[in-house]
Amino acid sequence: MKKLSFALLLVCLVSEVYGQQPFLRIDYRQTFLGDRIDILDGPKVLNKEEVYRLMQTQPEAFETYQMALKKQKTGKLLDGGAFLTSMGVIALSFIPPQSASYSTRNNLLLPLAIATVGIGIASGFYRRSSRNLTREAVDLYNFSEKKPDPIYFDDGLTYYTIPDFVGFQIRF
């Protein structure tokens, strides 16, 4: 009897674990050029195709995730631009004062330095916005209620078909 109840407990536990939808979470880390936002299901890092497949089950979460990807791409482009302008500032700062291009350096150094700071600030806004939108999309996927459309009949009852439960409501 103990073996049978233990086996039944294991079967129930396994069916409960594999019967649930994935619970997603995000992890982000700073890289050389911008952020890297990973979406995880437990310890497993999901690739882009898996995230698309999961998010497409919930249209609102998928739309938010696509907006986050656009902002993330724009942020990466701005990070690349900030890197290139900072390399330009460094290159212009090594021009010696005796050379013929010293006046060109004076004309370009200040605007390029201001552009570097401005692009860096703008990329920070886009990175933060993409992180927040990704977090919002994951929360929408994890915590949104999956309510099916009700089915109406002439008898005054409203029937709902929920995957694990069947119920009805009487209208007066």
C-alpha atoms as a PDB file:
ATOM      1  CA  MET A   1       0.000   0.000   0.000  1.00  0.00           C
ATOM      2  CA  LYS A   2       2.844   2.394   0.801  1.00  0.00           C
ATOM      3  CA  LYS A   3       4.492   1.689  -2.544  1.00  0.00           C
ATOM      4  CA  LEU A   4       1.271   2.318  -4.409  1.00  0.00           C
ATOM      5  CA  SER A   5       0.612   5.624  -2.639  1.00  0.00           C
ATOM      6  CA  PHE A   6       4.230   6.695  -3.190  1.00  0.00           C
ATOM      7  CA  ALA A   7       3.997   5.863  -6.912  1.00  0.00           C
ATOM      8  CA  LEU A   8       0.714   7.769  -7.153  1.00  0.00           C
ATOM      9  CA  LEU A   9       2.319  10.753  -5.430  1.00  0.00           C
ATOM     10  CA  LEU A  10       5.208  10.705  -7.914  1.00  0.00           C
ATOM     11  CA  VAL A  11       2.838  10.530 -10.877  1.00  0.00           C
ATOM     12  CA  CYS A  12       0.822  13.475  -9.544  1.00  0.00           C
ATOM     13  CA  LEU A  13       3.989  15.467  -8.893  1.00  0.00           C
ATOM     14  CA  VAL A  14       5.393  14.834 -12.365  1.00  0.00           C
ATOM     15  CA  SER A  15       2.089  15.677 -14.061  1.00  0.00           C
ATOM     16  CA  GLU A  16       1.841  18.896 -12.029  1.00  0.00           C
ATOM     17  CA  VAL A  17       5.380  19.965 -12.921  1.00  0.00           C
ATOM     18  CA  TYR A  18       5.081  19.223 -16.634  1.00  0.00           C
ATOM     19  CA  GLY A  19       1.510  20.462 -16.930  1.00  0.00           C
ATOM     20  CA  GLN A  20       2.310  24.072 -16.123  1.00  0.00           C
ATOM     21  CA  GLN A  21       3.233  26.724 -18.618  1.00  0.00           C
ATOM     22  CA  PRO A  22       6.751  28.156 -18.377  1.00  0.00           C
ATOM     23  CA  PHE A  23       7.363  30.873 -15.806  1.00  0.00           C
ATOM     24  CA  LEU A  24       9.675  33.390 -17.453  1.00  0.00           C
ATOM     25  CA  ARG A  25      12.042  35.862 -15.860  1.00  0.00           C
ATOM     26  CA  ILE A  26      14.607  38.279 -17.253  1.00  0.00           C
ATOM     27  CA  ASP A  27      18.282  38.700 -16.584  1.00  0.00           C
ATOM     28  CA  TYR A  28      20.307  41.584 -17.956  1.00  0.00           C
ATOM     29  CA  ARG A  29      23.995  42.264 -17.866  1.00  0.00           C
ATOM     30  CA  GLN A  30      26.209  45.038 -19.108  1.00  0.00           C
ATOM     31  CA  THR A  31      28.381  44.180 -22.126  1.00  0.00           C
ATOM     32  CA  PHE A  32      31.020  46.150 -23.976  1.00  0.00           C
ATOM     33  CA  LEU A  33      28.379  47.803 -26.178  1.00  0.00           C
ATOM     34  CA  GLY A  34      25.133  48.130 -24.225  1.00  0.00           C
ATOM     35  CA  ASP A  35      22.990  45.654 -22.326  1.00  0.00           C
ATOM     36  CA  ARG A  36      22.284  42.001 -22.926  1.00  0.00           C
ATOM     37  CA  ILE A  37      18.752  41.011 -21.913  1.00  0.00           C
ATOM     38  CA  ASP A  38      18.190  37.280 -21.495  1.00  0.00           C
ATOM     39  CA  ILE A  39      14.821  35.640 -20.885  1.00  0.00           C
ATOM     40  CA  LEU A  40      15.034  32.537 -18.725  1.00  0.00           C
ATOM     41  CA  ASP A  41      12.707  29.654 -17.998  1.00  0.00           C
ATOM     42  CA  GLY A  42      14.137  28.388 -14.743  1.00  0.00           C
ATOM     43  CA  PRO A  43      17.901  28.046 -15.282  1.00  0.00           C
ATOM     44  CA  LYS A  44      17.566  27.677 -19.072  1.00  0.00           C
ATOM     45  CA  VAL A  45      18.274  30.714 -21.244  1.00  0.00           C
ATOM     46  CA  LEU A  46      15.733  30.837 -24.060  1.00  0.00           C
ATOM     47  CA  ASN A  47      16.764  31.747 -27.588  1.00  0.00           C
ATOM     48  CA  LYS A  48      14.849  34.249 -29.706  1.00  0.00           C
ATOM     49  CA  GLU A  49      12.717  31.634 -31.499  1.00  0.00           C
ATOM     50  CA  GLU A  50      11.576  30.046 -28.239  1.00  0.00           C
ATOM     51  CA  VAL A  51      10.660  33.429 -26.759  1.00  0.00           C
ATOM     52  CA  TYR A  52       8.720  34.341 -29.929  1.00  0.00           C
ATOM     53  CA  ARG A  53       6.836  31.034 -29.831  1.00  0.00           C
ATOM     54  CA  LEU A  54       5.913  31.492 -26.159  1.00  0.00           C
ATOM     55  CA  MET A  55       5.000  35.166 -26.459  1.00  0.00           C
ATOM     56  CA  GLN A  56       2.771  34.595 -29.494  1.00  0.00           C
ATOM     57  CA  THR A  57       0.313  32.741 -27.279  1.00  0.00           C
ATOM     58  CA  GLN A  58      -0.521  36.093 -25.661  1.00  0.00           C
ATOM     59  CA  PRO A  59      -0.909  38.901 -28.230  1.00  0.00           C
ATOM     60  CA  GLU A  60      -0.563  41.782 -25.759  1.00  0.00           C
ATOM     61  CA  ALA A  61       2.674  40.394 -24.312  1.00  0.00           C
ATOM     62  CA  PHE A  62       3.996  39.724 -27.816  1.00  0.00           C
ATOM     63  CA  GLU A  63       3.290  43.299 -28.925  1.00  0.00           C
ATOM     64  CA  THR A  64       5.051  44.693 -25.857  1.00  0.00           C
ATOM     65  CA  TYR A  65       7.997  42.357 -26.438  1.00  0.00           C
ATOM     66  CA  GLN A  66       8.326  43.527 -30.050  1.00  0.00           C
ATOM     67  CA  MET A  67       8.382  47.159 -28.885  1.00  0.00           C
ATOM     68  CA  ALA A  68      11.107  46.214 -26.386  1.00  0.00           C
ATOM     69  CA  LEU A  69      13.174  44.600 -29.155  1.00  0.00           C
ATOM     70  CA  LYS A  70      12.892  47.752 -31.289  1.00  0.00           C
ATOM     71  CA  LYS A  71      14.035  49.934 -28.400  1.00  0.00           C
ATOM     72  CA  GLN A  72      16.854  47.499 -27.624  1.00  0.00           C
ATOM     73  CA  LYS A  73      18.055  47.657 -31.238  1.00  0.00           C
ATOM     74  CA  THR A  74      17.921  51.480 -31.201  1.00  0.00           C
ATOM     75  CA  GLY A  75      19.828  51.521 -27.913  1.00  0.00           C
ATOM     76  CA  LYS A  76      22.540  49.292 -29.372  1.00  0.00           C
ATOM     77  CA  LEU A  77      22.879  51.574 -32.389  1.00  0.00           C
ATOM     78  CA  LEU A  78      23.203  54.595 -30.118  1.00  0.00           C
ATOM     79  CA  ASP A  79      25.785  52.758 -27.993  1.00  0.00           C
ATOM     80  CA  GLY A  80      27.771  52.035 -31.153  1.00  0.00           C
ATOM     81  CA  GLY A  81      27.507  55.686 -32.182  1.00  0.00           C
ATOM     82  CA  ALA A  82      28.704  56.830 -28.760  1.00  0.00           C
ATOM     83  CA  PHE A  83      31.653  54.444 -29.011  1.00  0.00           C
ATOM     84  CA  LEU A  84      32.596  55.746 -32.459  1.00  0.00           C
ATOM     85  CA  THR A  85      32.328  59.397 -31.452  1.00  0.00           C
ATOM     86  CA  SER A  86      34.412  58.759 -28.331  1.00  0.00           C
ATOM     87  CA  MET A  87      37.070  57.126 -30.531  1.00  0.00           C
ATOM     88  CA  GLY A  88      36.940  60.260 -32.702  1.00  0.00           C
ATOM     89  CA  VAL A  89      37.461  62.473 -29.653  1.00  0.00           C
ATOM     90  CA  ILE A  90      40.435  60.358 -28.583  1.00  0.00           C
ATOM     91  CA  ALA A  91      41.924  60.444 -32.098  1.00  0.00           C
ATOM     92  CA  LEU A  92      41.499  64.223 -32.366  1.00  0.00           C
ATOM     93  CA  SER A  93      43.055  64.788 -28.965  1.00  0.00           C
ATOM     94  CA  PHE A  94      46.349  63.240 -30.142  1.00  0.00           C
ATOM     95  CA  ILE A  95      46.879  65.753 -32.940  1.00  0.00           C
ATOM     96  CA  PRO A  96      49.940  67.833 -32.005  1.00  0.00           C
ATOM     97  CA  PRO A  97      49.545  71.637 -31.848  1.00  0.00           C
ATOM     98  CA  GLN A  98      52.230  72.254 -34.511  1.00  0.00           C
ATOM     99  CA  SER A  99      50.503  70.301 -37.305  1.00  0.00           C
ATOM    100  CA  ALA A 100      48.498  71.836 -40.152  1.00  0.00           C
ATOM    101  CA  SER A 101      45.285  70.093 -39.014  1.00  0.00           C
ATOM    102  CA  TYR A 102      45.369  71.650 -35.543  1.00  0.00           C
ATOM    103  CA  SER A 103      42.732  74.254 -36.467  1.00  0.00           C
ATOM    104  CA  THR A 104      40.489  71.454 -37.777  1.00  0.00           C
ATOM    105  CA  ARG A 105      40.909  69.715 -34.451  1.00  0.00           C
ATOM    106  CA  ASN A 106      39.829  72.857 -32.599  1.00  0.00           C
ATOM    107  CA  ASN A 107      36.728  73.104 -34.787  1.00  0.00           C
ATOM    108  CA  LEU A 108      35.718  69.424 -34.373  1.00  0.00           C
ATOM    109  CA  LEU A 109      36.760  68.449 -30.860  1.00  0.00           C
ATOM    110  CA  LEU A 110      34.111  70.314 -28.841  1.00  0.00           C
ATOM    111  CA  PRO A 111      31.109  69.357 -31.039  1.00  0.00           C
ATOM    112  CA  LEU A 112      32.270  65.744 -31.148  1.00  0.00           C
ATOM    113  CA  ALA A 113      32.686  65.664 -27.359  1.00  0.00           C
ATOM    114  CA  ILE A 114      29.192  67.125 -26.879  1.00  0.00           C
ATOM    115  CA  ALA A 115      27.766  64.597 -29.365  1.00  0.00           C
ATOM    116  CA  THR A 116      29.457  61.764 -27.458  1.00  0.00           C
ATOM    117  CA  VAL A 117      27.846  62.835 -24.192  1.00  0.00           C
ATOM    118  CA  GLY A 118      24.437  63.401 -25.814  1.00  0.00           C
ATOM    119  CA  ILE A 119      24.399  60.055 -27.609  1.00  0.00           C
ATOM    120  CA  GLY A 120      25.515  58.302 -24.425  1.00  0.00           C
ATOM    121  CA  ILE A 121      22.645  59.838 -22.459  1.00  0.00           C
ATOM    122  CA  ALA A 122      20.101  58.955 -25.172  1.00  0.00           C
ATOM    123  CA  SER A 123      21.330  55.355 -25.335  1.00  0.00           C
ATOM    124  CA  GLY A 124      20.898  55.081 -21.561  1.00  0.00           C
ATOM    125  CA  PHE A 125      17.253  56.127 -21.894  1.00  0.00           C
ATOM    126  CA  TYR A 126      16.651  53.539 -24.608  1.00  0.00           C
ATOM    127  CA  ARG A 127      18.398  50.783 -22.629  1.00  0.00           C
ATOM    128  CA  ARG A 128      16.314  51.479 -19.560  1.00  0.00           C
ATOM    129  CA  SER A 129      13.120  51.663 -21.587  1.00  0.00           C
ATOM    130  CA  SER A 130      13.856  48.347 -23.330  1.00  0.00           C
ATOM    131  CA  ARG A 131      14.539  46.655 -19.970  1.00  0.00           C
ATOM    132  CA  ASN A 132      11.270  47.969 -18.553  1.00  0.00           C
ATOM    133  CA  LEU A 133       9.276  46.919 -21.619  1.00  0.00           C
ATOM    134  CA  THR A 134      10.841  43.450 -21.593  1.00  0.00           C
ATOM    135  CA  ARG A 135       9.991  43.086 -17.914  1.00  0.00           C
ATOM    136  CA  GLU A 136       6.435  44.237 -18.633  1.00  0.00           C
ATOM    137  CA  ALA A 137       6.065  41.733 -21.495  1.00  0.00           C
ATOM    138  CA  VAL A 138       7.317  38.890 -19.301  1.00  0.00           C
ATOM    139  CA  ASP A 139       4.941  39.902 -16.513  1.00  0.00           C
ATOM    140  CA  LEU A 140       2.058  40.045 -18.976  1.00  0.00           C
ATOM    141  CA  TYR A 141       2.957  36.552 -20.144  1.00  0.00           C
ATOM    142  CA  ASN A 142       3.342  35.154 -16.622  1.00  0.00           C
ATOM    143  CA  PHE A 143       0.406  36.752 -14.855  1.00  0.00           C
ATOM    144  CA  SER A 144      -2.293  37.459 -17.406  1.00  0.00           C
ATOM    145  CA  GLU A 145      -5.490  35.528 -17.028  1.00  0.00           C
ATOM    146  CA  LYS A 146      -6.468  33.392 -19.953  1.00  0.00           C
ATOM    147  CA  LYS A 147     -10.213  34.004 -20.085  1.00  0.00           C
ATOM    148  CA  PRO A 148     -12.014  32.448 -23.006  1.00  0.00           C
ATOM    149  CA  ASP A 149     -14.925  34.151 -24.671  1.00  0.00           C
ATOM    150  CA  PRO A 150     -18.260  33.187 -23.116  1.00  0.00           C
ATOM    151  CA  ILE A 151     -20.785  31.156 -25.058  1.00  0.00           C
ATOM    152  CA  TYR A 152     -24.346  32.535 -24.865  1.00  0.00           C
ATOM    153  CA  PHE A 153     -27.472  30.410 -25.258  1.00  0.00           C
ATOM    154  CA  ASP A 154     -31.173  31.275 -25.369  1.00  0.00           C
ATOM    155  CA  ASP A 155     -31.950  29.657 -22.028  1.00  0.00           C
ATOM    156  CA  GLY A 156     -30.526  32.555 -19.979  1.00  0.00           C
ATOM    157  CA  LEU A 157     -27.335  30.725 -18.998  1.00  0.00           C
ATOM    158  CA  THR A 158     -23.821  31.751 -19.872  1.00  0.00           C
ATOM    159  CA  TYR A 159     -21.404  28.865 -20.221  1.00  0.00           C
ATOM    160  CA  TYR A 160     -17.683  29.277 -19.849  1.00  0.00           C
ATOM    161  CA  THR A 161     -15.221  26.690 -21.078  1.00  0.00           C
ATOM    162  CA  ILE A 162     -12.077  26.865 -18.986  1.00  0.00           C
ATOM    163  CA  PRO A 163      -9.480  24.105 -19.572  1.00  0.00           C
ATOM    164  CA  ASP A 164      -9.591  22.699 -16.026  1.00  0.00           C
ATOM    165  CA  PHE A 165     -13.086  23.730 -15.001  1.00  0.00           C
ATOM    166  CA  VAL A 166     -16.561  23.934 -16.508  1.00  0.00           C
ATOM    167  CA  GLY A 167     -18.988  26.429 -15.005  1.00  0.00           C
ATOM    168  CA  PHE A 168     -22.068  28.453 -15.780  1.00  0.00           C
ATOM    169  CA  GLN A 169     -23.710  31.679 -14.695  1.00  0.00           C
ATOM    170  CA  ILE A 170     -27.434  32.422 -14.471  1.00  0.00           C
ATOM    171  CA  ARG A 171     -28.537  35.864 -15.727  1.00  0.00           C
ATOM    172  CA  PHE A 172     -31.642  37.496 -14.237  1.00  0.00           C
END
